[in-house]
Protein backbone atom coordinates (compact mmCIF):
# COMPACT_ATOMS: atom_id res chain seq x y z
CA UNK A 1 135.75 62.59 103.72
CA UNK A 2 135.08 66.35 103.89
CA UNK A 3 138.72 67.12 103.16
CA UNK A 4 138.47 65.18 99.93
CA UNK A 5 135.47 67.26 98.77
CA UNK A 6 137.07 70.67 99.37
CA UNK A 7 139.31 70.63 96.24
CA UNK A 8 136.37 69.41 94.15
CA UNK A 9 134.18 72.30 95.33
CA UNK A 10 136.89 74.85 94.56
CA UNK A 11 137.37 73.33 91.12
CA UNK A 12 133.62 73.38 90.46
CA UNK A 13 133.48 77.10 91.29
CA UNK A 14 136.19 77.87 88.75
CA UNK A 15 134.53 75.99 85.88
CA UNK A 16 132.67 78.13 83.32
CA UNK A 17 128.89 77.99 83.65
CA UNK A 18 126.51 77.52 80.75
CA UNK A 19 124.98 80.73 79.39
CA UNK A 20 121.41 79.61 80.16
CA UNK A 21 122.17 79.45 83.88
CA UNK A 22 123.56 83.00 83.91
CA UNK A 23 120.83 84.69 81.85
CA UNK A 24 117.81 83.14 83.54
CA UNK A 25 115.65 86.26 83.26
CA UNK A 26 112.14 86.29 81.87
CA UNK A 27 111.86 87.98 78.50
CA UNK A 28 108.48 89.45 79.40
CA UNK A 29 110.08 92.10 81.62
CA UNK A 30 112.64 92.97 78.96
CA UNK A 31 110.05 93.40 76.22
CA UNK A 32 107.82 95.53 78.41
CA UNK A 33 110.66 97.83 79.34
CA UNK A 34 111.56 98.32 75.69
CA UNK A 35 108.00 98.78 74.42
CA UNK A 36 106.32 102.16 73.95
CA UNK A 37 103.09 101.15 75.67
CA UNK A 38 103.87 102.78 78.99
CA UNK A 39 103.75 106.51 79.66
CA UNK A 40 106.99 108.27 80.44
CA UNK A 41 107.12 110.20 83.72
CA UNK A 42 106.88 113.98 83.37
CA UNK A 43 110.25 115.65 83.04
CA UNK A 44 110.58 118.59 85.39
CA UNK A 45 113.82 119.98 84.04
CA UNK A 46 114.73 123.61 83.54
CA UNK A 47 116.31 125.12 80.45
CA UNK A 48 119.44 126.09 82.33
CA UNK A 49 121.16 129.45 82.30
CA UNK A 50 122.48 130.99 79.12
CA UNK A 51 126.23 131.31 78.71
CA UNK A 52 127.84 133.98 80.87
CA UNK A 53 124.94 134.37 83.32
CA UNK A 54 124.34 133.14 86.83
CA UNK A 55 121.49 130.58 86.92
CA UNK A 56 118.41 131.34 88.99
CA UNK A 57 116.26 128.85 90.85
CA UNK A 58 113.80 128.76 87.94
CA UNK A 59 116.63 127.85 85.55
CA UNK A 60 118.33 125.06 87.47
CA UNK A 61 115.69 123.52 89.77
CA UNK A 62 114.53 119.99 88.93
CA UNK A 63 111.98 117.49 90.20
CA UNK A 64 109.74 118.39 93.13
CA UNK A 65 111.65 121.59 93.81
CA UNK A 66 110.86 122.79 90.27
CA UNK A 67 107.21 121.78 90.72
CA UNK A 68 107.03 123.88 93.89
CA UNK A 69 108.72 126.89 92.25
CA UNK A 70 106.43 126.75 89.20
CA UNK A 71 103.43 126.43 91.52
CA UNK A 72 104.55 129.48 93.51
CA UNK A 73 104.84 131.47 90.26
CA UNK A 74 101.24 130.52 89.43
CA UNK A 75 100.07 131.24 92.97
CA UNK A 76 99.38 127.58 93.82
CA UNK A 77 100.54 125.93 97.05
CA UNK A 78 101.28 122.48 95.56
CA UNK A 79 102.08 120.81 98.91
CA UNK A 80 99.21 122.45 100.88
CA UNK A 81 101.43 123.69 103.70
CA UNK A 82 98.79 125.87 105.38
CA UNK A 83 97.84 124.90 108.94
CA UNK A 84 94.27 123.77 109.58
CA UNK A 85 91.89 126.42 110.84
CA UNK A 86 90.68 125.14 114.20
CA UNK A 87 87.40 127.00 114.77
CA UNK A 88 86.05 124.38 117.15
CA UNK A 89 87.09 121.40 119.24
CA UNK A 90 86.63 118.10 117.42
CA UNK A 91 84.17 115.73 119.05
CA UNK A 92 83.22 112.09 118.51
CA UNK A 93 80.07 113.12 116.61
CA UNK A 94 81.73 115.94 114.62
CA UNK A 95 85.49 115.29 114.29
CA UNK A 96 87.90 117.62 112.52
CA UNK A 97 88.32 116.31 108.95
CA UNK A 98 91.89 115.93 107.69
CA UNK A 99 92.29 115.67 103.92
CA UNK A 100 94.81 113.09 102.73
CA UNK A 101 95.78 111.17 99.60
CA UNK A 102 96.84 108.12 101.61
CA UNK A 103 95.08 106.02 104.25
CA UNK A 104 97.64 107.08 106.89
CA UNK A 105 98.85 110.52 107.88
CA UNK A 106 100.84 111.98 110.77
CA UNK A 107 99.40 115.22 112.19
CA UNK A 108 100.40 117.50 115.03
CA UNK A 109 97.81 118.74 117.53
CA UNK A 110 98.53 122.01 119.34
CA UNK A 111 95.19 122.09 121.16
CA UNK A 112 92.13 124.30 121.06
CA UNK A 113 92.38 127.25 121.19
CA UNK A 114 95.57 127.20 119.12
CA UNK A 115 98.85 126.62 120.97
CA UNK A 116 97.15 125.70 124.26
CA UNK A 117 99.56 122.76 124.69
CA UNK A 118 102.79 121.45 123.18
CA UNK A 119 102.58 119.76 119.80
CA UNK A 120 101.56 116.12 120.11
CA UNK A 121 101.99 113.97 117.02
CA UNK A 122 99.16 111.57 116.15
CA UNK A 123 99.12 108.81 113.56
CA UNK A 124 95.76 108.96 111.76
CA UNK A 125 94.37 106.05 109.77
CA UNK A 126 91.27 105.76 107.63
CA UNK A 127 90.02 102.87 109.77
CA UNK A 128 89.12 104.82 112.93
CA UNK A 129 89.06 108.30 114.47
CA UNK A 130 91.96 109.57 116.58
CA UNK A 131 91.76 111.62 119.75
CA UNK A 132 94.42 113.91 121.21
CA UNK A 133 95.38 112.68 124.71
CA UNK A 134 96.00 116.24 125.96
CA UNK A 135 92.99 118.31 124.82
CA UNK A 136 90.63 115.55 123.66
CA UNK A 137 90.14 116.92 120.15
CA UNK A 138 88.89 114.25 117.76
CA UNK A 139 90.11 114.01 114.18
CA UNK A 140 89.12 111.91 111.18
CA UNK A 141 91.11 111.25 108.03
CA UNK A 142 89.29 112.11 104.80
CA UNK A 143 90.59 110.65 101.54
CA UNK A 144 90.49 113.20 98.71
CA UNK A 145 91.87 111.22 95.77
CA UNK A 146 88.40 109.99 94.83
CA UNK A 147 87.06 113.55 94.88
CA UNK A 148 89.73 114.96 92.59
CA UNK A 149 89.97 111.95 90.27
CA UNK A 150 86.64 110.07 90.31
CA UNK A 151 87.56 107.85 87.32
CA UNK A 152 90.70 106.47 88.97
CA UNK A 153 90.30 103.78 91.59
CA UNK A 154 92.47 104.33 94.66
CA UNK A 155 95.19 101.69 95.19
CA UNK A 156 94.61 101.98 98.93
CA UNK A 157 91.60 100.00 100.22
CA UNK A 158 89.45 101.71 102.81
């Protein structure tokens, strides 16, 4: 019985399909993509080098690299790459506050005073405090998106 159905299946695969079965896509997504109601992402593109010159980083950098270069020209550290100043050991009552845009962040603890032990990586969440297993320093994640943009509700629930 199965041998009789094999040629029929192969023949059914070769038959042309109706157009409605192929283009079964909702028109709502197509219209939204073509409408002008959404904001375009910022274009971080350089002008490029003029003819006959060697391009510099400012001329040819794009995206996040260009954002970082333009920030350095203005004297702004856009990715906040400075290490935390550990002036005290974090405790349960007064933990070290870590600023973050997201409810999770990976940090490295080198101990107190600085570099007293090897770097241990901790996964911080906004739900509870974390404690370094080596030196016992307590840390707390602190969400800063609501401080910088109070009118925008964070997509990450606390």
